[in-house]
Amino acid sequence: MKVPPQILKVWLLILVLGASAGPAFALDAAAGVLRVGAVKVDITPDDPSGLTNLYQTPFTGVRDRIYARGVFLDNGVTSAAIISIDTVEITDGTAMVAHISRETGIPTSNIIMAATHDHQAPMISLQNANGSWKAGPAATAFVAKVENDLVAALRQAKANAQPARVGIGSGRADVSINRDLLTPAGTYRLGRNPDGPSDKTVWVVKFETPAGEPIAVLINYAVHGTVLGSKTSLLSGELPGATSRFVEDHYNGKVVAVWTSGAAGDQAPIVTMPDSKQPNAERNFAVLDVLGQILGTEAIRVADAIKDTNSQIRLWGTEKTVTCPGQKVEPGPQGTPRKIMDADPVNFRLSLLMIDQTAITSVSSEVVTNIYQRLRKESPYPNTILITLANGRIGYLPEDASYANPTFEVYASPLKKGCGESTLVNGLVNMMKEY
């Protein structure tokens, strides 16, 4: 059959446009039927001796168990996973994310693996971001077991994924407080600053079966997991773990509560127990449990109020590595301010996972409140969540204005003034515009 030249031109144009658009974006942006699998892996070491908390206090026992939790998503076009691990940080999650991707087929750009910032659990690393903290002698085996168990569980979650619906809501809980306290001398120290910026938003993304049976909830809130004192020697899920535990118990174990840390870089819990001669006293853990109940109760209220859910969804992810000039901080002579000097450039990861019109952003650092507020203001999507400490940790990412009168977060940041804030906000917003 002879094809008319006009038709040949049209076919050729279609082929050229399709090739230039790129199949990955075109396919990833398509809608499909949502399937979800939830995962909860007990990562509590059988013997915690040889491991330490963030403050290098050796563990002598276990008060409550710690977990890796996650949700696997698939819409028949692409897949994704959001994972939280009860740990203070995952210093570099690149290899672990790649392992998950190989074993599950999830693109690395669609995997968000975040630390809950639990200061009373072993680190999923052999040292922290700046090398000042070294893991205990049992850390190598612990980290390897967590990775292998999590990968196996995610494979199972993929195999068991079932048709699902998703919805989003938000509430408020007064469990955090700004921790940058201005002293009479005009400098900042860590403390309690009720007048400082503090975002109380409790974000909840609910996943349920078509019949309305719960599968998982993603919870996002900005607060440090530092209720217990630094001398506590009992392993614990801290505030994130207490929150997830309360939510899961409420739903009789039918829900996996995936807790993630928001812009908590300058946020402390409203109560931090002082170090004392009885660091493992049950009253300390009683306070922890109450704060977890407050956060958990609000998460449950928000989840139950979500009625607008959808089973036909678009699922799309992207990531990029960005670079900022670096800094290093050294103490000055006694009585003088610390010295901030130039250092090597610093790379960090930004990622975006779109679930229809919900933007789940993530960054491999600790971010302060005002940066997240700016991101929400400039985002084209009202439902914009920021997950911090995701797929790694470089340290703090402070707002530019705070460098003029340095806060703790400035002195603890590896980023030089003038880059981090705009790179994060502009980078994530530009990624959203690609969707």
Protein backbone atom coordinates (compact mmCIF):
# COMPACT_ATOMS: atom_id res chain seq x y z
CA MET A 1 0.00 0.00 0.00
CA LYS A 2 1.33 3.39 -0.95
CA VAL A 3 1.11 5.90 1.87
CA PRO A 4 0.36 9.52 0.84
CA PRO A 5 3.24 11.97 1.51
CA GLN A 6 1.03 14.04 3.83
CA ILE A 7 0.43 11.02 6.09
CA LEU A 8 4.13 10.16 6.09
CA LYS A 9 4.92 13.69 7.27
CA VAL A 10 2.44 13.40 10.13
CA TRP A 11 3.87 10.04 11.21
CA LEU A 12 7.39 11.42 11.08
CA LEU A 13 6.38 14.45 13.16
CA ILE A 14 4.80 12.21 15.80
CA LEU A 15 7.94 10.07 15.99
CA VAL A 16 10.20 13.12 16.32
CA LEU A 17 8.06 14.76 19.00
CA GLY A 18 7.79 11.51 20.93
CA ALA A 19 11.55 11.03 20.90
CA SER A 20 12.26 14.61 21.97
CA ALA A 21 9.74 14.49 24.81
CA GLY A 22 11.39 11.38 26.25
CA PRO A 23 9.37 8.29 27.17
CA ALA A 24 10.14 8.39 30.90
CA PHE A 25 8.40 11.70 31.58
CA ALA A 26 5.44 10.95 29.32
CA LEU A 27 4.85 7.59 30.95
CA ASP A 28 5.54 8.67 34.53
CA ALA A 29 3.02 11.52 34.22
CA ALA A 30 0.24 9.14 33.17
CA ALA A 31 -2.47 8.13 35.64
CA GLY A 32 -3.13 4.57 36.71
CA VAL A 33 -4.78 2.48 39.41
CA LEU A 34 -2.97 2.83 42.72
CA ARG A 35 -1.65 -0.23 44.49
CA VAL A 36 -0.03 0.02 47.92
CA GLY A 37 1.99 -2.24 50.18
CA ALA A 38 3.08 -1.31 53.71
CA VAL A 39 6.16 -2.54 55.55
CA LYS A 40 7.27 -2.52 59.19
CA VAL A 41 10.58 -4.11 60.09
CA ASP A 42 11.77 -4.55 63.68
CA ILE A 43 15.41 -3.41 63.62
CA THR A 44 16.00 -3.59 67.39
CA PRO A 45 19.37 -5.26 67.95
CA ASP A 46 19.20 -8.46 70.00
CA ASP A 47 22.14 -7.18 71.99
CA PRO A 48 22.58 -3.38 71.91
CA SER A 49 25.91 -3.45 73.74
CA GLY A 50 28.67 -2.09 71.54
CA LEU A 51 26.25 0.45 70.08
CA THR A 52 25.70 4.01 71.31
CA ASN A 53 23.21 6.85 71.01
CA LEU A 54 24.11 10.16 69.33
CA TYR A 55 25.80 11.38 72.50
CA GLN A 56 28.03 8.28 72.52
CA THR A 57 26.34 6.93 75.63
CA PRO A 58 26.60 3.11 75.38
CA PHE A 59 23.31 1.24 75.37
CA THR A 60 22.67 -1.01 78.36
CA GLY A 61 19.24 -2.27 77.32
CA VAL A 62 16.06 -1.64 75.37
CA ARG A 63 13.13 0.44 76.62
CA ASP A 64 11.02 0.25 73.45
CA ARG A 65 11.70 -1.30 70.08
CA ILE A 66 12.78 0.54 66.94
CA TYR A 67 11.61 0.01 63.38
CA ALA A 68 12.03 0.74 59.71
CA ARG A 69 8.64 1.56 58.23
CA GLY A 70 7.65 2.22 54.66
CA VAL A 71 4.98 2.38 52.01
CA PHE A 72 5.37 1.01 48.49
CA LEU A 73 3.33 2.71 45.73
CA ASP A 74 2.59 1.60 42.19
CA ASN A 75 0.14 2.90 39.59
CA GLY A 76 0.90 0.43 36.79
CA VAL A 77 3.19 2.97 35.14
CA THR A 78 5.87 3.57 37.75
CA SER A 79 6.54 2.81 41.41
CA ALA A 80 7.84 4.65 44.47
CA ALA A 81 8.64 4.13 48.13
CA ILE A 82 8.71 6.36 51.19
CA ILE A 83 10.69 4.85 54.06
CA SER A 84 11.47 6.05 57.58
CA ILE A 85 14.02 4.48 59.88
CA ASP A 86 14.29 5.01 63.64
CA THR A 87 17.79 6.43 63.63
CA VAL A 88 19.40 9.82 64.13
CA GLU A 89 20.79 9.96 60.59
CA ILE A 90 21.73 7.98 57.53
CA THR A 91 24.92 9.83 56.67
CA ASP A 92 25.04 8.66 53.05
CA GLY A 93 22.14 6.58 51.80
CA THR A 94 23.30 6.36 48.17
CA ALA A 95 24.38 2.71 48.24
CA MET A 96 21.36 1.63 50.28
CA VAL A 97 18.92 3.38 47.92
CA ALA A 98 20.66 1.77 44.94
CA HIS A 99 20.32 -1.65 46.62
CA ILE A 100 16.59 -1.08 47.17
CA SER A 101 16.20 0.00 43.55
CA ARG A 102 17.98 -3.09 42.18
CA GLU A 103 15.91 -5.47 44.26
CA THR A 104 12.49 -3.84 43.76
CA GLY A 105 12.70 -2.09 40.41
CA ILE A 106 11.78 1.26 41.95
CA PRO A 107 13.67 4.12 40.26
CA THR A 108 16.16 5.71 42.65
CA SER A 109 14.54 9.09 41.96
CA ASN A 110 11.30 7.72 43.44
CA ILE A 111 12.80 6.44 46.72
CA ILE A 112 12.72 8.66 49.79
CA MET A 113 14.52 6.98 52.69
CA ALA A 114 14.55 9.22 55.74
CA ALA A 115 15.85 9.10 59.29
CA THR A 116 13.28 9.91 61.97
CA HIS A 117 16.10 11.76 63.79
CA ASP A 118 15.73 9.52 66.82
CA HIS A 119 18.64 10.47 69.10
CA GLN A 120 18.19 7.30 71.20
CA ALA A 121 18.84 4.77 68.44
CA PRO A 122 22.03 3.59 66.75
CA MET A 123 23.07 5.52 63.67
CA ILE A 124 22.67 3.83 60.28
CA SER A 125 26.24 4.83 59.46
CA LEU A 126 29.74 4.23 60.72
CA GLN A 127 30.31 7.95 61.36
CA ASN A 128 28.33 11.16 61.15
CA ALA A 129 28.43 13.84 58.46
CA ASN A 130 31.42 15.79 59.80
CA GLY A 131 33.30 12.79 61.16
CA SER A 132 33.08 13.92 64.80
CA TRP A 133 31.05 10.86 65.81
CA LYS A 134 32.22 7.29 65.34
CA ALA A 135 30.00 4.24 65.56
CA GLY A 136 30.48 1.55 68.16
CA PRO A 137 32.16 -1.79 67.41
CA ALA A 138 28.87 -3.55 66.64
CA ALA A 139 27.73 -0.94 64.11
CA THR A 140 28.96 -2.66 60.93
CA ALA A 141 26.86 -5.77 61.52
CA PHE A 142 23.87 -3.71 62.71
CA VAL A 143 23.82 -1.43 59.65
CA ALA A 144 24.19 -4.37 57.25
CA LYS A 145 21.34 -6.29 58.90
CA VAL A 146 19.02 -3.27 58.80
CA GLU A 147 19.69 -2.82 55.08
CA ASN A 148 19.17 -6.48 54.19
CA ASP A 149 16.02 -6.84 56.29
CA LEU A 150 14.54 -3.65 54.85
CA VAL A 151 15.23 -4.68 51.25
CA ALA A 152 13.63 -8.08 51.84
CA ALA A 153 10.58 -6.45 53.42
CA LEU A 154 10.17 -4.01 50.53
CA ARG A 155 10.27 -6.89 48.06
CA GLN A 156 7.46 -8.49 50.06
CA ALA A 157 5.52 -5.22 50.20
CA LYS A 158 5.72 -5.00 46.42
CA ALA A 159 4.51 -8.58 46.06
CA ASN A 160 1.62 -7.95 48.47
CA ALA A 161 0.59 -4.55 47.08
CA GLN A 162 -3.18 -4.20 46.86
CA PRO A 163 -5.60 -1.74 45.22
CA ALA A 164 -5.76 1.42 47.30
CA ARG A 165 -6.92 5.01 47.58
CA VAL A 166 -4.92 7.99 48.82
CA GLY A 167 -5.89 11.28 50.45
CA ILE A 168 -4.14 14.11 52.30
CA GLY A 169 -4.98 16.35 55.24
CA SER A 170 -3.27 18.53 57.82
CA GLY A 171 -3.75 19.56 61.43
CA ARG A 172 -1.80 21.22 64.22
CA ALA A 173 -0.02 20.10 67.37
CA ASP A 174 1.89 22.20 69.92
CA VAL A 175 4.68 19.72 70.55
CA SER A 176 7.57 21.77 69.14
CA ILE A 177 9.23 25.06 70.06
CA ASN A 178 11.94 27.18 68.44
CA ARG A 179 15.26 26.47 70.12
CA ASP A 180 17.35 29.52 69.04
CA LEU A 181 17.36 31.70 72.16
CA LEU A 182 18.77 35.22 72.00
CA THR A 183 20.91 35.96 75.07
CA PRO A 184 21.29 39.37 76.81
CA ALA A 185 24.72 39.56 75.18
CA GLY A 186 23.07 39.55 71.75
CA THR A 187 24.21 36.07 70.74
CA TYR A 188 22.25 32.87 70.27
CA ARG A 189 22.35 29.66 72.25
CA LEU A 190 20.21 26.54 72.30
CA GLY A 191 17.18 26.97 74.54
CA ARG A 192 13.44 27.62 74.32
CA ASN A 193 12.28 30.57 72.26
CA PRO A 194 8.45 30.79 72.21
CA ASP A 195 8.67 33.90 70.02
CA GLY A 196 10.78 32.24 67.34
CA PRO A 197 9.38 30.73 64.13
CA SER A 198 7.79 27.31 64.63
CA ASP A 199 5.59 25.41 62.18
CA LYS A 200 3.04 23.29 64.07
CA THR A 201 1.56 21.63 60.96
CA VAL A 202 0.87 17.89 61.19
CA TRP A 203 0.70 16.51 57.66
CA VAL A 204 -1.02 13.17 57.09
CA VAL A 205 -1.20 11.18 53.85
CA LYS A 206 -3.65 8.28 54.24
CA PHE A 207 -3.57 5.07 52.22
CA GLU A 208 -6.59 2.76 52.46
CA THR A 209 -8.28 -0.07 50.57
CA PRO A 210 -11.21 0.67 48.23
CA ALA A 211 -13.45 -0.53 51.08
CA GLY A 212 -11.94 2.05 53.44
CA GLU A 213 -9.74 -0.31 55.48
CA PRO A 214 -6.53 1.42 56.59
CA ILE A 215 -3.17 0.40 55.14
CA ALA A 216 -0.70 3.13 56.09
CA VAL A 217 -0.42 6.76 57.11
CA LEU A 218 2.51 9.04 56.34
CA ILE A 219 2.99 11.56 59.17
CA ASN A 220 5.21 14.63 58.82
CA TYR A 221 6.02 17.03 61.66
CA ALA A 222 8.92 19.35 62.50
CA VAL A 223 10.53 18.43 65.83
CA HIS A 224 13.76 16.91 67.07
CA GLY A 225 13.62 13.47 68.67
CA THR A 226 15.37 14.72 71.82
CA VAL A 227 12.91 14.40 74.70
CA LEU A 228 15.22 12.08 76.65
CA GLY A 229 18.47 13.31 78.14
CA SER A 230 21.85 12.62 76.64
CA LYS A 231 22.79 10.19 79.41
CA THR A 232 19.87 7.82 78.76
CA SER A 233 21.32 4.37 78.09
CA LEU A 234 18.14 2.54 77.08
CA LEU A 235 17.46 2.24 73.37
CA SER A 236 14.17 3.90 72.33
CA GLY A 237 12.19 5.09 69.34
CA GLU A 238 12.06 8.50 71.07
CA LEU A 239 9.28 10.93 70.10
CA PRO A 240 8.89 9.71 66.49
CA GLY A 241 8.62 6.11 67.69
CA ALA A 242 6.16 6.98 70.45
CA THR A 243 3.96 8.77 67.89
CA SER A 244 3.97 5.90 65.40
CA ARG A 245 3.36 3.36 68.16
CA PHE A 246 0.32 5.27 69.44
CA VAL A 247 -1.20 5.55 65.95
CA GLU A 248 -0.60 1.89 65.13
CA ASP A 249 -2.09 0.77 68.45
CA HIS A 250 -5.19 2.91 67.81
CA TYR A 251 -5.83 1.04 64.55
CA ASN A 252 -5.18 -2.34 66.22
CA GLY A 253 -1.98 -2.91 64.27
CA LYS A 254 -3.70 -2.66 60.87
CA VAL A 255 -1.85 0.53 59.94
CA VAL A 256 1.85 1.24 59.41
CA ALA A 257 2.55 4.78 60.67
CA VAL A 258 5.48 6.15 58.65
CA TRP A 259 6.79 9.12 60.67
CA THR A 260 9.02 11.64 58.88
CA SER A 261 10.81 14.74 60.13
CA GLY A 262 9.84 18.11 58.65
CA ALA A 263 11.82 21.36 58.88
CA ALA A 264 13.01 20.60 62.41
CA GLY A 265 16.48 22.14 62.19
CA ASP A 266 15.55 24.85 64.71
CA GLN A 267 12.78 22.96 66.52
CA ALA A 268 13.06 21.24 69.89
CA PRO A 269 10.31 19.30 71.67
CA ILE A 270 8.38 21.44 74.16
CA VAL A 271 9.85 19.27 76.91
CA THR A 272 13.41 17.96 77.03
CA MET A 273 14.18 16.00 80.18
CA PRO A 274 17.29 17.26 82.00
CA ASP A 275 20.23 14.97 82.52
CA SER A 276 20.13 13.65 86.05
CA LYS A 277 21.45 10.94 88.33
CA GLN A 278 18.52 8.81 87.09
CA PRO A 279 18.67 9.19 83.29
CA ASN A 280 16.70 5.98 82.76
CA ALA A 281 13.91 6.91 85.18
CA GLU A 282 10.48 5.83 84.00
CA ARG A 283 9.16 9.36 84.50
CA ASN A 284 11.36 10.49 81.60
CA PHE A 285 9.76 7.92 79.32
CA ALA A 286 6.31 8.79 80.67
CA VAL A 287 6.78 12.36 79.39
CA LEU A 288 7.97 10.97 76.07
CA ASP A 289 4.88 8.80 75.74
CA VAL A 290 2.54 11.72 76.53
CA LEU A 291 4.08 13.87 73.80
CA GLY A 292 3.78 10.95 71.38
CA GLN A 293 0.12 10.61 72.33
CA ILE A 294 -0.50 14.31 71.63
CA LEU A 295 1.06 14.09 68.18
CA GLY A 296 -0.50 10.71 67.49
CA THR A 297 -3.97 11.84 68.53
CA GLU A 298 -3.85 14.73 66.08
CA ALA A 299 -2.54 12.47 63.31
CA ILE A 300 -5.45 10.08 63.92
CA ARG A 301 -7.98 12.93 63.93
CA VAL A 302 -6.63 14.23 60.63
CA ALA A 303 -6.51 10.75 59.06
CA ASP A 304 -10.10 9.97 60.04
CA ALA A 305 -11.28 13.32 58.63
CA ILE A 306 -9.80 12.65 55.17
CA LYS A 307 -12.75 11.77 52.94
CA ASP A 308 -11.50 12.97 49.54
CA THR A 309 -9.48 10.01 48.32
CA ASN A 310 -8.48 8.86 44.87
CA SER A 311 -7.52 5.51 43.37
CA GLN A 312 -6.58 6.80 39.90
CA ILE A 313 -3.35 8.70 40.43
CA ARG A 314 -0.40 10.16 38.64
CA LEU A 315 2.89 9.17 40.25
CA TRP A 316 6.07 10.95 39.23
CA GLY A 317 9.48 11.49 40.79
CA THR A 318 12.70 13.28 40.07
CA GLU A 319 15.92 14.10 41.88
CA LYS A 320 19.01 16.21 41.49
CA THR A 321 22.30 16.75 43.25
CA VAL A 322 23.13 20.40 43.90
CA THR A 323 26.32 22.06 45.08
CA CYS A 324 27.01 25.01 47.40
CA PRO A 325 30.26 26.64 48.54
CA GLY A 326 31.39 25.15 51.84
CA GLN A 327 32.42 26.56 55.18
CA LYS A 328 34.22 25.31 58.27
CA VAL A 329 33.95 26.77 61.74
CA GLU A 330 36.71 26.98 64.31
CA PRO A 331 36.67 28.50 67.80
CA GLY A 332 38.28 31.92 68.03
CA PRO A 333 40.44 33.09 70.94
CA GLN A 334 38.72 32.86 74.32
CA GLY A 335 35.85 35.32 74.57
CA THR A 336 35.70 36.00 70.83
CA PRO A 337 33.22 34.69 68.24
CA ARG A 338 33.91 31.50 66.36
CA LYS A 339 35.69 31.88 63.03
CA ILE A 340 33.89 30.92 59.80
CA MET A 341 36.23 30.10 56.94
CA ASP A 342 35.88 28.83 53.39
CA ALA A 343 35.92 25.10 52.78
CA ASP A 344 35.40 22.63 49.94
CA PRO A 345 32.07 22.72 48.06
CA VAL A 346 29.28 20.56 49.46
CA ASN A 347 26.89 18.38 47.45
CA PHE A 348 23.40 17.53 48.68
CA ARG A 349 20.34 15.83 47.25
CA LEU A 350 16.94 17.28 46.44
CA SER A 351 14.06 15.06 45.40
CA LEU A 352 10.41 15.41 44.52
CA LEU A 353 7.68 12.77 44.52
CA MET A 354 4.35 13.89 43.07
CA ILE A 355 1.23 11.95 44.06
CA ASP A 356 -1.31 13.73 41.87
CA GLN A 357 -1.36 17.30 43.24
CA THR A 358 0.55 16.51 46.45
CA ALA A 359 4.23 17.47 46.34
CA ILE A 360 6.41 15.42 48.68
CA THR A 361 9.81 17.05 48.65
CA SER A 362 12.93 15.87 50.41
CA VAL A 363 16.47 17.01 51.15
CA SER A 364 19.54 15.36 52.67
CA SER A 365 19.98 17.94 55.44
CA GLU A 366 18.31 19.50 58.47
CA VAL A 367 16.31 22.54 57.38
CA VAL A 368 15.03 25.43 59.50
CA THR A 369 11.43 26.64 59.68
CA ASN A 370 11.59 29.82 57.63
CA ILE A 371 13.03 28.02 54.61
CA TYR A 372 10.11 25.61 54.60
CA GLN A 373 7.69 28.52 54.98
CA ARG A 374 9.26 30.12 51.91
CA LEU A 375 9.03 26.83 50.00
CA ARG A 376 5.31 26.52 50.80
CA LYS A 377 4.71 30.10 49.72
CA GLU A 378 6.49 29.70 46.38
CA SER A 379 5.28 26.18 45.63
CA PRO A 380 2.57 25.89 42.97
CA TYR A 381 0.97 23.12 45.08
CA PRO A 382 -0.83 23.98 48.36
CA ASN A 383 -0.11 20.48 49.67
CA THR A 384 3.67 20.66 49.82
CA ILE A 385 5.45 18.49 52.40
CA LEU A 386 9.18 18.63 53.18
CA ILE A 387 10.92 15.49 54.43
CA THR A 388 14.36 16.24 55.83
CA LEU A 389 17.31 13.94 56.59
CA ALA A 390 16.36 11.98 53.47
CA ASN A 391 18.82 9.68 51.68
CA GLY A 392 21.68 11.21 53.65
CA ARG A 393 22.67 14.08 55.90
CA ILE A 394 25.19 16.84 55.24
CA GLY A 395 24.34 18.85 58.38
CA TYR A 396 22.19 21.94 58.90
CA LEU A 397 20.75 24.15 56.18
CA PRO A 398 20.07 27.56 57.80
CA GLU A 399 18.29 30.55 56.27
CA ASP A 400 20.54 33.27 54.84
CA ALA A 401 19.39 35.92 57.35
CA SER A 402 20.65 33.91 60.32
CA TYR A 403 24.30 34.18 59.22
CA ALA A 404 24.39 37.86 60.26
CA ASN A 405 23.99 36.87 63.93
CA PRO A 406 24.91 33.19 63.82
CA THR A 407 22.66 30.60 65.41
CA PHE A 408 23.70 27.10 66.42
CA GLU A 409 22.47 25.90 63.03
CA VAL A 410 24.80 28.31 61.22
CA TYR A 411 27.84 27.20 63.19
CA ALA A 412 26.91 23.55 62.62
CA SER A 413 26.29 23.98 58.89
CA PRO A 414 28.80 23.01 56.18
CA LEU A 415 27.22 25.53 53.78
CA LYS A 416 28.51 29.03 53.16
CA LYS A 417 26.03 31.91 53.39
CA GLY A 418 24.01 32.81 50.31
CA CYS A 419 23.51 29.44 48.64
CA GLY A 420 21.60 26.84 50.68
CA GLU A 421 18.23 28.58 51.06
CA SER A 422 17.80 29.67 47.46
CA THR A 423 19.24 26.44 46.07
CA LEU A 424 16.73 24.37 48.03
CA VAL A 425 13.66 26.51 47.35
CA ASN A 426 14.38 27.34 43.72
CA GLY A 427 15.57 23.82 42.99
CA LEU A 428 12.44 22.13 44.35
CA VAL A 429 10.04 24.65 42.79
CA ASN A 430 11.70 24.25 39.38
CA MET A 431 11.39 20.49 39.75
CA MET A 432 7.67 20.90 40.42
CA LYS A 433 7.33 22.91 37.21
CA GLU A 434 8.63 19.91 35.27
CA TYR A 435 5.65 17.81 36.37
